[in-house]
Amino acid sequence: MSYTWLEGYAIAARAGVRRAAEGEGPWTAGFGISADRFSLDYAFETRDNRPGAHRIGVRIR
């Protein structure tokens, strides 16, 4: 699901379930923000026997 209020600016939210490999949990969630040439992406993944994993991505074009 995403929302754009001006051309070049957007926010997005996502959630999902995946077929997990050994040691991974099935749930994922995240969000992203884009502003002109800058993008920020965050994701959270569940793990079986450990705390969840956080992933952050930054892109400047």
N, C-alpha and C. Protein backbone atom coordinates (compact mmCIF):
# COMPACT_ATOMS: atom_id res chain seq x y z
N MET A 1 0.85 -1.15 0.00
CA MET A 1 0.00 0.00 0.00
C MET A 1 0.91 1.23 0.00
N SER A 2 0.64 2.17 -0.87
CA SER A 2 1.44 3.38 -0.90
C SER A 2 0.56 4.60 -1.11
N TYR A 3 1.11 5.75 -0.78
CA TYR A 3 0.39 7.01 -0.91
C TYR A 3 1.34 8.06 -1.47
N THR A 4 0.90 8.79 -2.48
CA THR A 4 1.68 9.87 -3.08
C THR A 4 0.87 11.15 -3.01
N TRP A 5 1.42 12.19 -2.39
CA TRP A 5 0.70 13.45 -2.29
C TRP A 5 1.24 14.50 -3.27
N LEU A 6 2.50 14.39 -3.68
CA LEU A 6 3.10 15.23 -4.71
C LEU A 6 3.95 14.35 -5.60
N GLU A 7 4.15 14.75 -6.83
CA GLU A 7 5.00 13.97 -7.72
C GLU A 7 6.42 13.92 -7.16
N GLY A 8 6.96 12.71 -7.02
CA GLY A 8 8.30 12.53 -6.48
C GLY A 8 8.35 12.25 -4.98
N TYR A 9 7.22 12.34 -4.29
CA TYR A 9 7.15 12.10 -2.85
C TYR A 9 6.14 10.99 -2.58
N ALA A 10 6.54 9.97 -1.80
CA ALA A 10 5.64 8.85 -1.53
C ALA A 10 6.02 8.17 -0.22
N ILE A 11 5.03 7.50 0.37
CA ILE A 11 5.26 6.63 1.52
C ILE A 11 4.61 5.29 1.20
N ALA A 12 5.17 4.22 1.73
CA ALA A 12 4.63 2.88 1.47
C ALA A 12 4.77 2.04 2.73
N ALA A 13 3.79 1.18 2.97
CA ALA A 13 3.82 0.23 4.09
C ALA A 13 3.59 -1.16 3.53
N ARG A 14 4.22 -2.15 4.14
CA ARG A 14 4.06 -3.51 3.66
C ARG A 14 4.16 -4.51 4.81
N ALA A 15 3.51 -5.64 4.62
CA ALA A 15 3.57 -6.75 5.57
C ALA A 15 3.43 -8.03 4.76
N GLY A 16 4.03 -9.10 5.26
CA GLY A 16 3.95 -10.33 4.49
C GLY A 16 4.28 -11.57 5.29
N VAL A 17 4.02 -12.69 4.65
CA VAL A 17 4.33 -14.01 5.18
C VAL A 17 5.12 -14.73 4.10
N ARG A 18 6.17 -15.44 4.50
CA ARG A 18 7.00 -16.14 3.53
C ARG A 18 7.24 -17.57 3.97
N ARG A 19 7.66 -18.40 3.04
CA ARG A 19 8.09 -19.75 3.37
C ARG A 19 9.50 -19.62 3.93
N ALA A 20 9.64 -19.78 5.22
CA ALA A 20 10.89 -19.49 5.91
C ALA A 20 11.90 -20.62 5.77
N ALA A 21 13.16 -20.23 5.60
CA ALA A 21 14.27 -21.19 5.64
C ALA A 21 14.59 -21.49 7.10
N GLU A 22 15.49 -22.42 7.34
CA GLU A 22 15.84 -22.80 8.71
C GLU A 22 16.40 -21.59 9.47
N GLY A 23 15.86 -21.34 10.66
CA GLY A 23 16.30 -20.23 11.50
C GLY A 23 15.56 -18.93 11.26
N GLU A 24 14.76 -18.86 10.21
CA GLU A 24 14.00 -17.65 9.91
C GLU A 24 12.55 -17.82 10.35
N GLY A 25 11.92 -16.73 10.68
CA GLY A 25 10.50 -16.75 10.98
C GLY A 25 9.72 -16.38 9.73
N PRO A 26 8.42 -16.60 9.72
CA PRO A 26 7.64 -16.35 8.51
C PRO A 26 7.17 -14.91 8.30
N TRP A 27 7.21 -14.07 9.32
CA TRP A 27 6.60 -12.74 9.23
C TRP A 27 7.60 -11.65 8.85
N THR A 28 7.18 -10.73 7.99
CA THR A 28 7.98 -9.57 7.63
C THR A 28 7.08 -8.34 7.60
N ALA A 29 7.66 -7.18 7.84
CA ALA A 29 6.92 -5.93 7.78
C ALA A 29 7.91 -4.81 7.51
N GLY A 30 7.42 -3.70 6.96
CA GLY A 30 8.33 -2.59 6.71
C GLY A 30 7.61 -1.38 6.15
N PHE A 31 8.39 -0.33 5.91
CA PHE A 31 7.87 0.88 5.30
C PHE A 31 8.97 1.56 4.51
N GLY A 32 8.58 2.43 3.62
CA GLY A 32 9.53 3.19 2.82
C GLY A 32 9.05 4.61 2.63
N ILE A 33 10.00 5.52 2.49
CA ILE A 33 9.70 6.93 2.25
C ILE A 33 10.58 7.39 1.10
N SER A 34 9.99 8.06 0.12
CA SER A 34 10.74 8.64 -0.99
C SER A 34 10.45 10.12 -1.06
N ALA A 35 11.50 10.90 -1.18
CA ALA A 35 11.37 12.35 -1.30
C ALA A 35 12.36 12.82 -2.37
N ASP A 36 11.85 13.09 -3.55
CA ASP A 36 12.65 13.54 -4.68
C ASP A 36 13.74 12.52 -4.99
N ARG A 37 15.00 12.80 -4.70
CA ARG A 37 16.11 11.89 -5.03
C ARG A 37 16.52 11.02 -3.85
N PHE A 38 15.87 11.11 -2.71
CA PHE A 38 16.24 10.40 -1.49
C PHE A 38 15.20 9.33 -1.16
N SER A 39 15.65 8.11 -0.83
CA SER A 39 14.74 7.03 -0.41
C SER A 39 15.27 6.38 0.85
N LEU A 40 14.37 6.09 1.78
CA LEU A 40 14.69 5.40 3.02
C LEU A 40 13.77 4.19 3.13
N ASP A 41 14.34 3.01 3.41
CA ASP A 41 13.57 1.78 3.49
C ASP A 41 13.90 1.08 4.81
N TYR A 42 12.86 0.62 5.52
CA TYR A 42 13.03 -0.10 6.77
C TYR A 42 12.25 -1.41 6.68
N ALA A 43 12.85 -2.50 7.18
CA ALA A 43 12.17 -3.79 7.20
C ALA A 43 12.48 -4.51 8.51
N PHE A 44 11.51 -5.29 8.98
CA PHE A 44 11.66 -6.11 10.18
C PHE A 44 11.33 -7.54 9.80
N GLU A 45 12.19 -8.48 10.20
CA GLU A 45 11.98 -9.90 9.93
C GLU A 45 12.02 -10.66 11.25
N THR A 46 11.09 -11.59 11.42
CA THR A 46 11.10 -12.42 12.63
C THR A 46 12.12 -13.54 12.48
N ARG A 47 12.63 -14.02 13.60
CA ARG A 47 13.58 -15.13 13.65
C ARG A 47 13.04 -16.19 14.61
N ASP A 48 13.47 -17.44 14.42
CA ASP A 48 12.96 -18.52 15.27
C ASP A 48 13.41 -18.41 16.72
N ASN A 49 14.70 -18.50 16.97
CA ASN A 49 15.21 -18.56 18.35
C ASN A 49 16.00 -17.33 18.74
N ARG A 50 15.90 -16.27 17.96
CA ARG A 50 16.66 -15.05 18.22
C ARG A 50 15.72 -13.85 18.11
N PRO A 51 16.18 -12.68 18.58
CA PRO A 51 15.38 -11.47 18.36
C PRO A 51 15.24 -11.20 16.86
N GLY A 52 14.25 -10.43 16.49
CA GLY A 52 14.02 -10.10 15.09
C GLY A 52 15.17 -9.31 14.48
N ALA A 53 15.23 -9.31 13.16
CA ALA A 53 16.27 -8.59 12.43
C ALA A 53 15.69 -7.30 11.85
N HIS A 54 16.44 -6.21 11.97
CA HIS A 54 16.06 -4.92 11.41
C HIS A 54 16.98 -4.63 10.23
N ARG A 55 16.40 -4.17 9.12
CA ARG A 55 17.19 -3.81 7.95
C ARG A 55 16.83 -2.40 7.53
N ILE A 56 17.84 -1.60 7.25
CA ILE A 56 17.63 -0.21 6.83
C ILE A 56 18.41 0.02 5.55
N GLY A 57 17.76 0.64 4.58
CA GLY A 57 18.42 0.98 3.33
C GLY A 57 18.23 2.45 3.01
N VAL A 58 19.28 3.09 2.50
CA VAL A 58 19.23 4.49 2.10
C VAL A 58 19.74 4.59 0.68
N ARG A 59 19.03 5.35 -0.16
CA ARG A 59 19.47 5.53 -1.55
C ARG A 59 19.36 7.01 -1.91
N ILE A 60 20.43 7.53 -2.50
CA ILE A 60 20.43 8.89 -3.02
C ILE A 60 20.79 8.79 -4.49
N ARG A 61 19.92 9.27 -5.35
CA ARG A 61 20.16 9.18 -6.80
C ARG A 61 20.87 10.40 -7.30
